[in-house]
Amino acid sequence: METTTERESHYKNLEKQTVREILENINNEDKTVPLAVEKALPQIEALATITAERMKNGGRLFYIGAGTSGRLGVVDASECPPTFGVPFDMVVGLIAGGDGAIRKAVEFAEDDAVQAWIDLQAFNINDKDVVVGIAASGTTPYVIGGLKTANEHNIVTGCIVCNSGSPVAAVAKYPVEVVTGPEFLTGSTRMKAGTAQKLVLNMLSTSVMIQLGHVQGNRMVDMQLSNHKLVNRGTHMVMEATGLSEEEAARLLKQYGSVRSAVDHYFKK
């Protein structure tokens, strides 16, 4: 495999650059990321399609990763319940070293090729589910081990990696390879590679949830009303759908608990 994520930066003597130069050069590198993601759209489509199919039949989506990659999976999984109103265990993010590793790195946790499957078993994983390994380098043992064992149990596997021809991509049934190239800061894959992974995760979870029916038009009709901002947003969504006043829409939303239910009950009366 070619580990372009580890190649030397295109920029030299970073400590001698002005702040403006540093920012402009980082921004110039960041501009290349969406183009790299675009090249992987057919792979993302294949993974999103099979994931939605499995989840329509009662399956769940699991992300496994280490370090930045693991944290990004946890973030995406954590956002699905409030955004789409799904159960907290429908999309699950697992990070090498456990939840404590979200805030503080756990040494050598990513080198354990057995632990990912142990972590997945805690959720009674089965062949209805999907496991997506996230690994910028594509070489993380935690991810490789988890995907291999998932394959042995006839579970759909995918991955998001940022090198071509990696061991992780080789073991995943639905690989997504976004080749982002050298980082501004040599080897710091929390930068371009992390950005690419975040973009792909956004695309994957959002497209899946749309396929599952949790979006109407362009609205998050099943979102959780967990703070005043979201209640206000939901109220205006009900207003737009029904033509009600703000006061009436707020009352209906409070009564039925979600935008979808409020609108449905309004038109059934």
Protein backbone atom coordinates (compact mmCIF):
# COMPACT_ATOMS: atom_id res chain seq x y z
CA MET A 1 0.00 0.00 0.00
CA GLU A 2 1.01 3.63 -0.46
CA THR A 3 0.74 5.58 2.80
CA THR A 4 0.32 9.06 1.39
CA THR A 5 -1.00 10.26 4.74
CA GLU A 6 2.52 9.79 6.12
CA ARG A 7 4.33 11.60 3.33
CA GLU A 8 6.28 14.72 4.15
CA SER A 9 4.33 17.97 4.08
CA HIS A 10 4.53 20.17 1.01
CA TYR A 11 5.51 23.00 3.34
CA LYS A 12 8.86 23.53 5.02
CA ASN A 13 9.98 25.39 8.13
CA LEU A 14 6.47 25.86 9.50
CA GLU A 15 7.80 27.63 12.59
CA LYS A 16 9.17 30.40 10.37
CA GLN A 17 5.85 31.12 8.66
CA THR A 18 3.69 34.02 9.76
CA VAL A 19 0.35 33.25 11.32
CA ARG A 20 -1.35 34.39 8.11
CA GLU A 21 0.88 32.12 6.03
CA ILE A 22 0.12 29.15 8.27
CA LEU A 23 -3.61 29.76 8.03
CA GLU A 24 -3.58 30.29 4.26
CA ASN A 25 -1.54 27.15 3.68
CA ILE A 26 -3.77 25.02 5.92
CA ASN A 27 -6.79 26.43 4.09
CA ASN A 28 -5.22 25.63 0.72
CA GLU A 29 -4.73 22.02 1.79
CA ASP A 30 -8.27 21.81 3.20
CA LYS A 31 -9.69 22.88 -0.17
CA THR A 32 -8.47 19.62 -1.69
CA VAL A 33 -10.49 17.43 0.68
CA PRO A 34 -13.99 17.72 -0.88
CA LEU A 35 -12.48 16.86 -4.27
CA ALA A 36 -10.96 13.71 -2.82
CA VAL A 37 -14.33 12.81 -1.28
CA GLU A 38 -16.04 13.37 -4.64
CA LYS A 39 -13.88 10.66 -6.22
CA ALA A 40 -15.15 8.19 -3.61
CA LEU A 41 -18.88 8.89 -4.16
CA PRO A 42 -19.59 5.53 -5.84
CA GLN A 43 -18.07 3.72 -2.85
CA ILE A 44 -20.01 5.89 -0.39
CA GLU A 45 -23.21 5.21 -2.32
CA ALA A 46 -22.69 1.45 -2.13
CA LEU A 47 -22.05 1.57 1.63
CA ALA A 48 -25.00 3.90 2.30
CA THR A 49 -27.34 1.73 0.25
CA ILE A 50 -26.52 -1.57 1.96
CA THR A 51 -26.53 0.12 5.38
CA ALA A 52 -30.04 1.48 4.85
CA GLU A 53 -31.23 -1.90 3.61
CA ARG A 54 -29.94 -3.64 6.74
CA MET A 55 -31.33 -0.98 9.07
CA LYS A 56 -34.77 -1.15 7.44
CA ASN A 57 -34.78 -4.78 8.50
CA GLY A 58 -33.92 -4.04 12.13
CA GLY A 59 -30.16 -3.75 11.86
CA ARG A 60 -27.92 -1.20 13.54
CA LEU A 61 -24.86 0.75 12.44
CA PHE A 62 -21.62 0.42 14.39
CA TYR A 63 -18.51 2.56 13.95
CA ILE A 64 -15.18 1.25 15.24
CA GLY A 65 -11.97 3.28 15.30
CA ALA A 66 -9.05 4.56 17.33
CA GLY A 67 -7.84 8.06 18.16
CA THR A 68 -9.27 10.81 15.97
CA SER A 69 -11.03 8.29 13.75
CA GLY A 70 -12.75 6.70 16.73
CA ARG A 71 -13.78 10.06 18.14
CA LEU A 72 -15.31 11.09 14.82
CA GLY A 73 -17.38 7.90 14.81
CA VAL A 74 -18.57 8.59 18.34
CA VAL A 75 -19.54 12.15 17.37
CA ASP A 76 -21.55 11.04 14.35
CA ALA A 77 -23.31 8.29 16.28
CA SER A 78 -24.08 10.66 19.16
CA GLU A 79 -25.74 13.16 16.83
CA CYS A 80 -28.19 10.69 15.28
CA PRO A 81 -30.70 10.49 18.18
CA PRO A 82 -31.17 14.25 18.62
CA THR A 83 -31.15 14.94 14.88
CA PHE A 84 -33.33 12.09 13.66
CA GLY A 85 -35.17 10.92 16.79
CA VAL A 86 -33.79 7.38 16.59
CA PRO A 87 -32.95 5.22 19.65
CA PHE A 88 -29.52 5.89 21.16
CA ASP A 89 -28.37 2.34 20.33
CA MET A 90 -29.35 2.41 16.65
CA VAL A 91 -26.05 4.02 15.64
CA VAL A 92 -23.16 3.22 17.98
CA GLY A 93 -19.64 4.61 18.01
CA LEU A 94 -16.91 2.52 19.63
CA ILE A 95 -13.39 3.78 20.25
CA ALA A 96 -10.30 1.73 21.10
CA GLY A 97 -9.62 2.13 24.81
CA GLY A 98 -13.26 2.73 25.71
CA ASP A 99 -15.15 5.96 26.31
CA GLY A 100 -12.30 7.34 28.40
CA ALA A 101 -10.22 7.48 25.23
CA ILE A 102 -12.57 10.12 23.83
CA ARG A 103 -10.89 12.70 26.07
CA LYS A 104 -7.55 11.12 26.86
CA ALA A 105 -5.50 8.87 24.58
CA VAL A 106 -5.09 5.29 25.81
CA GLU A 107 -1.64 3.98 24.96
CA PHE A 108 -1.47 1.01 22.56
CA ALA A 109 -5.27 0.51 22.64
CA GLU A 110 -5.38 0.65 18.85
CA ASP A 111 -2.87 -2.21 18.61
CA ASP A 112 -5.27 -4.75 20.16
CA ALA A 113 -6.72 -6.77 17.28
CA VAL A 114 -9.15 -8.67 19.51
CA GLN A 115 -10.78 -5.92 21.57
CA ALA A 116 -13.07 -4.47 18.88
CA TRP A 117 -15.03 -7.71 18.63
CA ILE A 118 -15.27 -7.88 22.41
CA ASP A 119 -16.62 -4.31 22.39
CA LEU A 120 -19.14 -5.20 19.68
CA GLN A 121 -20.33 -8.31 21.51
CA ALA A 122 -21.36 -6.12 24.44
CA PHE A 123 -24.15 -4.90 22.13
CA ASN A 124 -25.19 -8.42 21.04
CA ILE A 125 -24.10 -7.69 17.49
CA ASN A 126 -25.68 -9.94 14.86
CA ASP A 127 -25.90 -10.48 11.11
CA LYS A 128 -28.56 -7.80 10.67
CA ASP A 129 -26.04 -5.13 11.65
CA VAL A 130 -23.38 -3.15 9.79
CA VAL A 131 -19.86 -2.43 11.07
CA VAL A 132 -17.86 0.44 9.59
CA GLY A 133 -14.19 0.72 10.48
CA ILE A 134 -12.73 4.23 10.50
CA ALA A 135 -8.95 4.45 10.14
CA ALA A 136 -7.07 7.24 8.40
CA SER A 137 -3.98 5.12 7.79
CA GLY A 138 -5.96 1.99 7.01
CA THR A 139 -3.62 -0.09 9.17
CA THR A 140 -5.18 0.03 12.66
CA PRO A 141 -5.17 -3.49 14.23
CA TYR A 142 -8.23 -2.70 16.39
CA VAL A 143 -10.22 -1.97 13.24
CA ILE A 144 -8.80 -4.78 11.13
CA GLY A 145 -9.51 -7.37 13.82
CA GLY A 146 -13.05 -6.14 14.34
CA LEU A 147 -13.88 -6.20 10.64
CA LYS A 148 -12.35 -9.64 10.10
CA THR A 149 -14.37 -11.19 12.89
CA ALA A 150 -17.53 -9.41 11.73
CA ASN A 151 -16.99 -10.92 8.27
CA GLU A 152 -16.70 -14.36 9.84
CA HIS A 153 -20.14 -13.83 11.38
CA ASN A 154 -21.68 -12.77 8.06
CA ILE A 155 -22.03 -9.13 9.13
CA VAL A 156 -21.83 -6.38 6.51
CA THR A 157 -18.57 -4.47 6.88
CA GLY A 158 -17.42 -1.14 5.48
CA CYS A 159 -14.62 1.30 6.14
CA ILE A 160 -13.49 4.89 5.71
CA VAL A 161 -9.76 5.17 5.07
CA CYS A 162 -7.46 7.79 3.58
CA ASN A 163 -4.83 5.64 1.85
CA SER A 164 -5.32 3.38 -1.14
CA GLY A 165 -4.81 -0.36 -0.97
CA SER A 166 -4.79 -0.55 2.81
CA PRO A 167 -5.28 -3.66 4.99
CA VAL A 168 -8.50 -2.17 6.40
CA ALA A 169 -9.94 -1.62 2.91
CA ALA A 170 -8.88 -5.13 1.90
CA VAL A 171 -10.94 -6.72 4.68
CA ALA A 172 -14.01 -4.46 4.40
CA LYS A 173 -16.77 -5.62 2.06
CA TYR A 174 -17.74 -2.03 1.26
CA PRO A 175 -14.57 0.07 1.45
CA VAL A 176 -14.53 3.85 1.10
CA GLU A 177 -11.06 5.16 0.21
CA VAL A 178 -10.63 8.94 0.28
CA VAL A 179 -7.00 9.63 -0.61
CA THR A 180 -6.23 13.01 0.92
CA GLY A 181 -2.43 12.99 0.50
CA PRO A 182 0.21 14.57 2.75
CA GLU A 183 -0.93 16.65 5.69
CA PHE A 184 0.09 20.28 6.25
CA LEU A 185 1.73 19.04 9.45
CA THR A 186 3.45 15.81 8.42
CA GLY A 187 1.51 12.76 9.60
CA SER A 188 -1.15 14.72 11.52
CA THR A 189 -4.19 12.89 10.18
CA ARG A 190 -6.52 14.80 12.51
CA MET A 191 -6.32 17.47 9.80
CA LYS A 192 -7.18 16.64 6.16
CA ALA A 193 -7.83 12.96 6.75
CA GLY A 194 -10.03 13.74 9.74
CA THR A 195 -11.94 16.33 7.74
CA ALA A 196 -12.50 13.81 4.94
CA GLN A 197 -13.74 11.20 7.39
CA LYS A 198 -16.13 13.69 8.95
CA LEU A 199 -17.52 14.60 5.53
CA VAL A 200 -18.07 10.95 4.64
CA LEU A 201 -19.72 10.24 7.99
CA ASN A 202 -22.06 13.19 7.44
CA MET A 203 -22.98 11.79 4.03
CA LEU A 204 -23.40 8.23 5.27
CA SER A 205 -25.59 8.83 8.31
CA THR A 206 -27.68 11.59 6.70
CA SER A 207 -28.38 9.65 3.50
CA VAL A 208 -29.24 6.54 5.51
CA MET A 209 -31.63 8.41 7.79
CA ILE A 210 -33.33 9.99 4.77
CA GLN A 211 -33.78 6.50 3.31
CA LEU A 212 -35.25 5.37 6.63
CA GLY A 213 -37.88 8.12 6.47
CA HIS A 214 -36.66 10.44 9.21
CA VAL A 215 -36.68 13.49 6.92
CA GLN A 216 -39.64 15.08 5.15
CA GLY A 217 -38.89 17.62 2.45
CA ASN A 218 -35.71 19.00 3.93
CA ARG A 219 -36.88 18.98 7.57
CA MET A 220 -35.71 16.98 10.59
CA VAL A 221 -39.28 16.07 11.51
CA ASP A 222 -38.27 13.50 14.14
CA MET A 223 -35.63 15.61 15.92
CA GLN A 224 -35.60 15.62 19.71
CA LEU A 225 -36.93 18.81 21.29
CA SER A 226 -34.17 18.91 23.88
CA ASN A 227 -33.61 22.66 24.24
CA HIS A 228 -35.30 26.01 23.59
CA LYS A 229 -33.55 26.49 20.25
CA LEU A 230 -34.86 23.17 18.93
CA VAL A 231 -38.36 23.79 20.30
CA ASN A 232 -38.35 27.14 18.50
CA ARG A 233 -37.11 25.49 15.30
CA GLY A 234 -39.78 22.80 15.60
CA THR A 235 -42.47 25.39 16.19
CA HIS A 236 -41.58 27.20 13.00
CA MET A 237 -41.54 23.92 11.08
CA VAL A 238 -45.09 23.23 12.28
CA MET A 239 -46.08 26.79 11.33
CA GLU A 240 -44.73 26.35 7.82
CA ALA A 241 -46.44 23.00 7.35
CA THR A 242 -49.84 23.99 8.74
CA GLY A 243 -50.19 27.76 8.44
CA LEU A 244 -50.88 28.01 12.18
CA SER A 245 -49.81 30.96 14.29
CA GLU A 246 -46.68 30.63 16.40
CA GLU A 247 -48.72 30.24 19.57
CA GLU A 248 -50.96 27.55 18.09
CA ALA A 249 -48.02 25.69 16.54
CA ALA A 250 -46.11 25.74 19.84
CA ARG A 251 -49.13 24.34 21.67
CA LEU A 252 -49.56 21.55 19.12
CA LEU A 253 -45.86 20.70 19.23
CA LYS A 254 -45.87 20.52 23.01
CA GLN A 255 -48.97 18.35 22.98
CA TYR A 256 -47.67 15.75 20.51
CA GLY A 257 -43.93 15.89 21.18
CA SER A 258 -42.51 15.98 17.66
CA VAL A 259 -42.89 17.91 14.44
CA ARG A 260 -44.06 14.81 12.59
CA SER A 261 -46.75 13.93 15.14
CA ALA A 262 -47.94 17.51 15.47
CA VAL A 263 -48.34 17.95 11.72
CA ASP A 264 -49.92 14.52 11.26
CA HIS A 265 -52.50 15.13 13.99
CA TYR A 266 -53.30 18.58 12.58
CA PHE A 267 -54.18 17.19 9.14
CA LYS A 268 -56.11 14.21 10.56
CA LYS A 269 -58.51 16.32 12.59
